[in-house]
Amino acid sequence: MNKKVYIVTSGEYSDYRINAVFSSRKLAKKYIELQARVGFWNFTTPRIEEYTLDELPIYPKEKNHYRVSLELGTGNLLDIDLTNLNSDKVLNFTVVNRSDKANEIWVYCWAKDEEHAKKIAYDVRTKVLAEKENL
């Protein structure tokens, strides 16, 4: 069983901070209550964030995460690049409706190389177009 930690945070954006870290939610709540008694939270709202210790991401072996952009209608390749997304999903895609250009499809996938990523993207495009015709 992975151990959890409970982090009391406050603030937003550049004012965001970690106030304290606890081994139980109960202790984190107690900390918030004690700090409230001395007016610590007068100008901010505390939150308890839960994290698992020593949890590494699980990514497919010997594959990279790509984003492939295709023009939906023609299938023209618009862009392909490695992503820095923290995604353990095997396949994810978004159809982007653009008023200034033709509609695009962005396919995010794990692939061995760029050619493999393009093949996956073209397969997804084919499925999306087939589904649109069946509507």
N, C-alpha and C. Protein backbone atom coordinates (compact mmCIF):
# COMPACT_ATOMS: atom_id res chain seq x y z
N MET A 1 0.84 -1.19 0.00
CA MET A 1 0.00 0.00 0.00
C MET A 1 0.88 1.24 0.00
N ASN A 2 0.58 2.17 -0.88
CA ASN A 2 1.34 3.41 -0.96
C ASN A 2 0.91 4.36 0.14
N LYS A 3 1.87 4.98 0.76
CA LYS A 3 1.60 5.92 1.84
C LYS A 3 1.16 7.26 1.26
N LYS A 4 0.20 7.87 1.91
CA LYS A 4 -0.32 9.18 1.49
C LYS A 4 0.22 10.26 2.41
N VAL A 5 0.33 11.47 1.85
CA VAL A 5 0.63 12.65 2.65
C VAL A 5 -0.45 13.68 2.38
N TYR A 6 -0.69 14.51 3.36
CA TYR A 6 -1.74 15.53 3.29
C TYR A 6 -1.07 16.89 3.46
N ILE A 7 -1.15 17.68 2.41
CA ILE A 7 -0.44 18.95 2.39
C ILE A 7 -1.44 20.08 2.50
N VAL A 8 -1.23 20.93 3.49
CA VAL A 8 -2.07 22.11 3.66
C VAL A 8 -1.45 23.22 2.83
N THR A 9 -2.25 23.75 1.90
CA THR A 9 -1.77 24.82 1.03
C THR A 9 -2.70 26.03 1.14
N SER A 10 -2.21 27.14 0.67
CA SER A 10 -3.05 28.34 0.60
C SER A 10 -2.52 29.23 -0.50
N GLY A 11 -3.31 30.24 -0.87
CA GLY A 11 -2.91 31.20 -1.89
C GLY A 11 -3.22 30.71 -3.30
N GLU A 12 -2.99 31.59 -4.24
CA GLU A 12 -3.23 31.32 -5.66
C GLU A 12 -2.04 31.82 -6.46
N TYR A 13 -1.75 31.16 -7.56
CA TYR A 13 -0.72 31.56 -8.51
C TYR A 13 0.60 31.87 -7.80
N SER A 14 1.12 33.09 -7.93
CA SER A 14 2.43 33.41 -7.34
C SER A 14 2.37 33.47 -5.81
N ASP A 15 1.18 33.54 -5.25
CA ASP A 15 1.03 33.56 -3.79
C ASP A 15 0.79 32.15 -3.22
N TYR A 16 0.74 31.14 -4.08
CA TYR A 16 0.49 29.76 -3.66
C TYR A 16 1.66 29.29 -2.79
N ARG A 17 1.34 28.58 -1.71
CA ARG A 17 2.39 28.08 -0.83
C ARG A 17 1.96 26.81 -0.11
N ILE A 18 2.95 26.05 0.27
CA ILE A 18 2.72 24.89 1.15
C ILE A 18 2.90 25.39 2.57
N ASN A 19 1.88 25.19 3.39
CA ASN A 19 1.95 25.63 4.78
C ASN A 19 2.44 24.53 5.71
N ALA A 20 2.03 23.29 5.45
CA ALA A 20 2.43 22.17 6.32
C ALA A 20 2.13 20.85 5.64
N VAL A 21 2.81 19.79 6.09
CA VAL A 21 2.63 18.45 5.54
C VAL A 21 2.36 17.49 6.69
N PHE A 22 1.34 16.61 6.49
CA PHE A 22 0.94 15.68 7.56
C PHE A 22 0.75 14.27 7.02
N SER A 23 0.79 13.32 7.94
CA SER A 23 0.62 11.92 7.58
C SER A 23 -0.84 11.48 7.61
N SER A 24 -1.74 12.36 8.08
CA SER A 24 -3.16 12.02 8.09
C SER A 24 -3.99 13.27 7.80
N ARG A 25 -5.17 13.04 7.22
CA ARG A 25 -6.10 14.13 6.95
C ARG A 25 -6.56 14.77 8.26
N LYS A 26 -6.72 13.94 9.28
CA LYS A 26 -7.18 14.41 10.59
C LYS A 26 -6.21 15.45 11.16
N LEU A 27 -4.91 15.17 11.07
CA LEU A 27 -3.92 16.14 11.57
C LEU A 27 -3.91 17.41 10.73
N ALA A 28 -4.08 17.28 9.43
CA ALA A 28 -4.12 18.46 8.56
C ALA A 28 -5.31 19.35 8.93
N LYS A 29 -6.46 18.73 9.18
CA LYS A 29 -7.65 19.51 9.59
C LYS A 29 -7.41 20.19 10.94
N LYS A 30 -6.76 19.48 11.85
CA LYS A 30 -6.47 20.05 13.17
C LYS A 30 -5.55 21.26 13.04
N TYR A 31 -4.55 21.16 12.16
CA TYR A 31 -3.65 22.28 11.90
C TYR A 31 -4.42 23.50 11.41
N ILE A 32 -5.33 23.28 10.45
CA ILE A 32 -6.13 24.38 9.91
C ILE A 32 -6.96 25.02 11.02
N GLU A 33 -7.58 24.19 11.87
CA GLU A 33 -8.38 24.71 12.98
C GLU A 33 -7.53 25.52 13.94
N LEU A 34 -6.35 25.03 14.31
CA LEU A 34 -5.48 25.75 15.24
C LEU A 34 -5.02 27.08 14.65
N GLN A 35 -4.66 27.08 13.39
CA GLN A 35 -4.22 28.31 12.75
C GLN A 35 -5.37 29.32 12.61
N ALA A 36 -6.58 28.82 12.45
CA ALA A 36 -7.74 29.71 12.36
C ALA A 36 -7.96 30.44 13.68
N ARG A 37 -7.66 29.79 14.78
CA ARG A 37 -7.85 30.41 16.11
C ARG A 37 -6.98 31.63 16.30
N VAL A 38 -5.86 31.71 15.59
CA VAL A 38 -4.97 32.87 15.73
C VAL A 38 -5.04 33.79 14.50
N GLY A 39 -6.07 33.60 13.67
CA GLY A 39 -6.30 34.50 12.54
C GLY A 39 -5.41 34.27 11.34
N PHE A 40 -4.77 33.11 11.26
CA PHE A 40 -3.85 32.85 10.17
C PHE A 40 -4.53 32.85 8.81
N TRP A 41 -5.78 32.44 8.74
CA TRP A 41 -6.48 32.30 7.46
C TRP A 41 -7.36 33.50 7.12
N ASN A 42 -7.14 34.65 7.76
CA ASN A 42 -8.00 35.81 7.54
C ASN A 42 -8.01 36.28 6.08
N PHE A 43 -6.91 36.13 5.38
CA PHE A 43 -6.83 36.67 4.02
C PHE A 43 -6.64 35.59 2.96
N THR A 44 -6.82 34.35 3.33
CA THR A 44 -6.65 33.24 2.38
C THR A 44 -7.47 32.05 2.85
N THR A 45 -7.71 31.13 1.95
CA THR A 45 -8.48 29.92 2.28
C THR A 45 -7.56 28.71 2.19
N PRO A 46 -7.43 27.96 3.28
CA PRO A 46 -6.57 26.78 3.23
C PRO A 46 -7.24 25.62 2.50
N ARG A 47 -6.40 24.77 1.91
CA ARG A 47 -6.88 23.56 1.26
C ARG A 47 -6.01 22.39 1.72
N ILE A 48 -6.59 21.20 1.66
CA ILE A 48 -5.81 19.99 1.93
C ILE A 48 -5.68 19.24 0.61
N GLU A 49 -4.43 19.06 0.19
CA GLU A 49 -4.15 18.31 -1.04
C GLU A 49 -3.57 16.96 -0.63
N GLU A 50 -4.04 15.91 -1.29
CA GLU A 50 -3.59 14.55 -0.98
C GLU A 50 -2.68 14.03 -2.07
N TYR A 51 -1.53 13.50 -1.67
CA TYR A 51 -0.57 12.95 -2.62
C TYR A 51 -0.10 11.58 -2.15
N THR A 52 0.27 10.74 -3.08
CA THR A 52 0.84 9.44 -2.77
C THR A 52 2.35 9.54 -2.83
N LEU A 53 3.02 9.04 -1.80
CA LEU A 53 4.48 9.06 -1.77
C LEU A 53 5.06 8.03 -2.72
N ASP A 54 6.19 8.35 -3.29
CA ASP A 54 6.98 7.43 -4.09
C ASP A 54 6.21 6.84 -5.27
N GLU A 55 5.30 7.61 -5.85
CA GLU A 55 4.50 7.13 -6.97
C GLU A 55 5.12 7.63 -8.28
N LEU A 56 5.62 6.70 -9.05
CA LEU A 56 6.21 7.04 -10.34
C LEU A 56 5.17 6.87 -11.44
N PRO A 57 5.24 7.68 -12.50
CA PRO A 57 4.29 7.51 -13.61
C PRO A 57 4.56 6.19 -14.33
N ILE A 58 3.53 5.63 -14.91
CA ILE A 58 3.66 4.39 -15.67
C ILE A 58 3.46 4.74 -17.14
N TYR A 59 4.53 4.63 -17.91
CA TYR A 59 4.48 4.94 -19.32
C TYR A 59 4.81 3.68 -20.12
N PRO A 60 4.27 3.55 -21.31
CA PRO A 60 4.61 2.39 -22.15
C PRO A 60 6.12 2.36 -22.43
N LYS A 61 6.69 1.17 -22.36
CA LYS A 61 8.13 1.02 -22.58
C LYS A 61 8.48 1.26 -24.04
N GLU A 62 9.63 1.90 -24.23
CA GLU A 62 10.20 2.14 -25.56
C GLU A 62 9.27 2.91 -26.49
N LYS A 63 8.44 3.78 -25.92
CA LYS A 63 7.58 4.63 -26.73
C LYS A 63 7.68 6.06 -26.22
N ASN A 64 7.39 7.00 -27.11
CA ASN A 64 7.34 8.42 -26.76
C ASN A 64 5.93 8.92 -26.95
N HIS A 65 5.62 10.04 -26.30
CA HIS A 65 4.29 10.63 -26.40
C HIS A 65 4.32 11.73 -27.46
N TYR A 66 3.46 11.58 -28.47
CA TYR A 66 3.41 12.51 -29.60
C TYR A 66 2.06 13.22 -29.67
N ARG A 67 2.10 14.42 -30.28
CA ARG A 67 0.88 15.10 -30.70
C ARG A 67 0.98 15.24 -32.21
N VAL A 68 -0.03 14.73 -32.90
CA VAL A 68 -0.08 14.82 -34.36
C VAL A 68 -1.28 15.67 -34.73
N SER A 69 -1.06 16.72 -35.52
CA SER A 69 -2.16 17.57 -36.00
C SER A 69 -2.39 17.30 -37.48
N LEU A 70 -3.65 16.99 -37.80
CA LEU A 70 -4.03 16.74 -39.19
C LEU A 70 -5.18 17.65 -39.57
N GLU A 71 -5.23 18.04 -40.84
CA GLU A 71 -6.41 18.72 -41.34
C GLU A 71 -7.48 17.64 -41.48
N LEU A 72 -8.61 17.84 -40.84
CA LEU A 72 -9.62 16.79 -40.77
C LEU A 72 -10.13 16.37 -42.14
N GLY A 73 -10.45 17.33 -42.98
CA GLY A 73 -11.04 17.01 -44.28
C GLY A 73 -10.08 16.35 -45.25
N THR A 74 -8.88 16.90 -45.37
CA THR A 74 -7.93 16.40 -46.37
C THR A 74 -6.95 15.37 -45.83
N GLY A 75 -6.74 15.39 -44.54
CA GLY A 75 -5.75 14.50 -43.94
C GLY A 75 -4.33 15.03 -44.03
N ASN A 76 -4.18 16.28 -44.51
CA ASN A 76 -2.84 16.86 -44.58
C ASN A 76 -2.22 16.94 -43.20
N LEU A 77 -0.94 16.56 -43.11
CA LEU A 77 -0.21 16.65 -41.86
C LEU A 77 0.15 18.11 -41.60
N LEU A 78 -0.29 18.64 -40.47
CA LEU A 78 -0.01 20.03 -40.12
C LEU A 78 1.18 20.15 -39.19
N ASP A 79 1.31 19.19 -38.26
CA ASP A 79 2.38 19.27 -37.28
C ASP A 79 2.50 17.94 -36.57
N ILE A 80 3.70 17.62 -36.14
CA ILE A 80 3.92 16.45 -35.30
C ILE A 80 5.08 16.78 -34.37
N ASP A 81 4.90 16.50 -33.10
CA ASP A 81 5.98 16.74 -32.15
C ASP A 81 5.82 15.90 -30.90
N LEU A 82 6.93 15.78 -30.19
CA LEU A 82 6.90 15.11 -28.89
C LEU A 82 6.21 16.06 -27.91
N THR A 83 5.47 15.49 -26.99
CA THR A 83 4.79 16.34 -26.01
C THR A 83 5.44 16.18 -24.65
N ASN A 84 5.16 17.09 -23.79
CA ASN A 84 5.60 16.97 -22.40
C ASN A 84 4.39 16.76 -21.50
N LEU A 85 3.32 16.23 -22.08
CA LEU A 85 2.11 15.98 -21.31
C LEU A 85 2.34 14.84 -20.34
N ASN A 86 1.83 14.96 -19.14
CA ASN A 86 1.85 13.85 -18.20
C ASN A 86 0.62 13.02 -18.46
N SER A 87 0.73 12.14 -19.39
CA SER A 87 -0.42 11.34 -19.78
C SER A 87 -0.05 9.87 -19.79
N ASP A 88 -0.82 9.07 -19.07
CA ASP A 88 -0.61 7.63 -19.14
C ASP A 88 -1.67 6.99 -20.03
N LYS A 89 -2.50 7.83 -20.67
CA LYS A 89 -3.50 7.31 -21.59
C LYS A 89 -2.80 6.80 -22.85
N VAL A 90 -3.26 5.70 -23.36
CA VAL A 90 -2.66 5.14 -24.57
C VAL A 90 -3.00 5.99 -25.77
N LEU A 91 -4.24 6.50 -25.83
CA LEU A 91 -4.67 7.28 -26.99
C LEU A 91 -5.68 8.32 -26.55
N ASN A 92 -5.53 9.52 -27.06
CA ASN A 92 -6.45 10.60 -26.76
C ASN A 92 -6.47 11.51 -27.98
N PHE A 93 -7.66 12.03 -28.33
CA PHE A 93 -7.69 12.94 -29.47
C PHE A 93 -8.75 14.02 -29.25
N THR A 94 -8.56 15.12 -29.96
CA THR A 94 -9.47 16.26 -29.91
C THR A 94 -9.70 16.76 -31.32
N VAL A 95 -10.96 16.95 -31.67
CA VAL A 95 -11.27 17.59 -32.94
C VAL A 95 -11.38 19.08 -32.65
N VAL A 96 -10.57 19.86 -33.33
CA VAL A 96 -10.53 21.30 -33.08
C VAL A 96 -11.30 21.99 -34.20
N ASN A 97 -12.38 22.66 -33.84
CA ASN A 97 -13.17 23.40 -34.83
C ASN A 97 -12.64 24.82 -34.90
N ARG A 98 -12.10 25.16 -36.04
CA ARG A 98 -11.49 26.47 -36.21
C ARG A 98 -12.32 27.27 -37.21
N SER A 99 -12.65 28.49 -36.87
CA SER A 99 -13.43 29.32 -37.79
C SER A 99 -12.53 29.95 -38.85
N ASP A 100 -11.24 30.14 -38.50
CA ASP A 100 -10.33 30.80 -39.43
C ASP A 100 -9.64 29.84 -40.40
N LYS A 101 -9.73 28.53 -40.12
CA LYS A 101 -9.07 27.52 -40.96
C LYS A 101 -9.98 26.30 -41.06
N ALA A 102 -9.50 25.32 -41.79
CA ALA A 102 -10.22 24.05 -41.84
C ALA A 102 -10.16 23.39 -40.47
N ASN A 103 -11.12 22.54 -40.18
CA ASN A 103 -11.11 21.82 -38.91
C ASN A 103 -9.88 20.93 -38.82
N GLU A 104 -9.36 20.83 -37.62
CA GLU A 104 -8.18 20.02 -37.38
C GLU A 104 -8.53 18.91 -36.39
N ILE A 105 -7.72 17.87 -36.42
CA ILE A 105 -7.81 16.85 -35.38
C ILE A 105 -6.43 16.75 -34.76
N TRP A 106 -6.38 16.81 -33.45
CA TRP A 106 -5.13 16.64 -32.72
C TRP A 106 -5.18 15.28 -32.06
N VAL A 107 -4.23 14.45 -32.37
CA VAL A 107 -4.18 13.10 -31.81
C VAL A 107 -2.95 13.02 -30.89
N TYR A 108 -3.20 12.65 -29.64
CA TYR A 108 -2.14 12.43 -28.67
C TYR A 108 -1.99 10.93 -28.50
N CYS A 109 -0.78 10.41 -28.70
CA CYS A 109 -0.62 8.96 -28.64
C CYS A 109 0.80 8.57 -28.23
N TRP A 110 0.92 7.36 -27.75
CA TRP A 110 2.23 6.75 -27.49
C TRP A 110 2.61 5.98 -28.74
N ALA A 111 3.82 6.21 -29.24
CA ALA A 111 4.26 5.55 -30.46
C ALA A 111 5.76 5.32 -30.43
N LYS A 112 6.20 4.36 -31.26
CA LYS A 112 7.62 4.01 -31.32
C LYS A 112 8.45 5.12 -31.98
N ASP A 113 7.85 5.78 -32.98
CA ASP A 113 8.54 6.84 -33.70
C ASP A 113 7.48 7.70 -34.40
N GLU A 114 7.95 8.71 -35.15
CA GLU A 114 7.02 9.63 -35.82
C GLU A 114 6.13 8.92 -36.83
N GLU A 115 6.69 7.99 -37.58
CA GLU A 115 5.89 7.26 -38.58
C GLU A 115 4.77 6.47 -37.92
N HIS A 116 5.07 5.84 -36.81
CA HIS A 116 4.06 5.09 -36.06
C HIS A 116 2.98 6.05 -35.55
N ALA A 117 3.41 7.22 -35.05
CA ALA A 117 2.45 8.22 -34.54
C ALA A 117 1.54 8.70 -35.67
N LYS A 118 2.10 8.93 -36.87
CA LYS A 118 1.28 9.37 -38.00
C LYS A 118 0.26 8.30 -38.39
N LYS A 119 0.67 7.04 -38.38
CA LYS A 119 -0.26 5.95 -38.72
C LYS A 119 -1.42 5.92 -37.73
N ILE A 120 -1.11 6.05 -36.44
CA ILE A 120 -2.17 6.07 -35.42
C ILE A 120 -3.11 7.24 -35.68
N ALA A 121 -2.54 8.41 -35.96
CA ALA A 121 -3.36 9.61 -36.19
C ALA A 121 -4.27 9.44 -37.41
N TYR A 122 -3.74 8.89 -38.49
CA TYR A 122 -4.56 8.67 -39.69
C TYR A 122 -5.68 7.67 -39.41
N ASP A 123 -5.39 6.65 -38.62
CA ASP A 123 -6.43 5.68 -38.25
C ASP A 123 -7.54 6.35 -37.43
N VAL A 124 -7.16 7.21 -36.49
CA VAL A 124 -8.14 7.94 -35.69
C VAL A 124 -8.97 8.84 -36.58
N ARG A 125 -8.32 9.57 -37.50
CA ARG A 125 -9.04 10.45 -38.43
C ARG A 125 -10.08 9.67 -39.23
N THR A 126 -9.69 8.51 -39.73
CA THR A 126 -10.61 7.67 -40.51
C THR A 126 -11.84 7.29 -39.68
N LYS A 127 -11.61 6.92 -38.43
CA LYS A 127 -12.73 6.55 -37.54
C LYS A 127 -13.64 7.75 -37.26
N VAL A 128 -13.03 8.91 -37.02
CA VAL A 128 -13.82 10.12 -36.75
C VAL A 128 -14.68 10.47 -37.96
N LEU A 129 -14.11 10.42 -39.15
CA LEU A 129 -14.89 10.73 -40.36
C LEU A 129 -16.01 9.71 -40.58
N ALA A 130 -15.74 8.44 -40.32
CA ALA A 130 -16.77 7.40 -40.46
C ALA A 130 -17.91 7.64 -39.47
N GLU A 131 -17.58 8.02 -38.25
CA GLU A 131 -18.62 8.31 -37.24
C GLU A 131 -19.44 9.52 -37.65
N LYS A 132 -18.79 10.55 -38.24
CA LYS A 132 -19.53 11.74 -38.68
C LYS A 132 -20.52 11.40 -39.78
N GLU A 133 -20.15 10.48 -40.66
CA GLU A 133 -21.04 10.07 -41.76
C GLU A 133 -22.23 9.28 -41.25
N ASN A 134 -22.05 8.56 -40.17
CA ASN A 134 -23.13 7.73 -39.61
C ASN A 134 -24.12 8.53 -38.76
N LEU A 135 -23.81 9.79 -38.50
CA LEU A 135 -24.71 10.61 -37.67
C LEU A 135 -25.92 11.08 -38.43
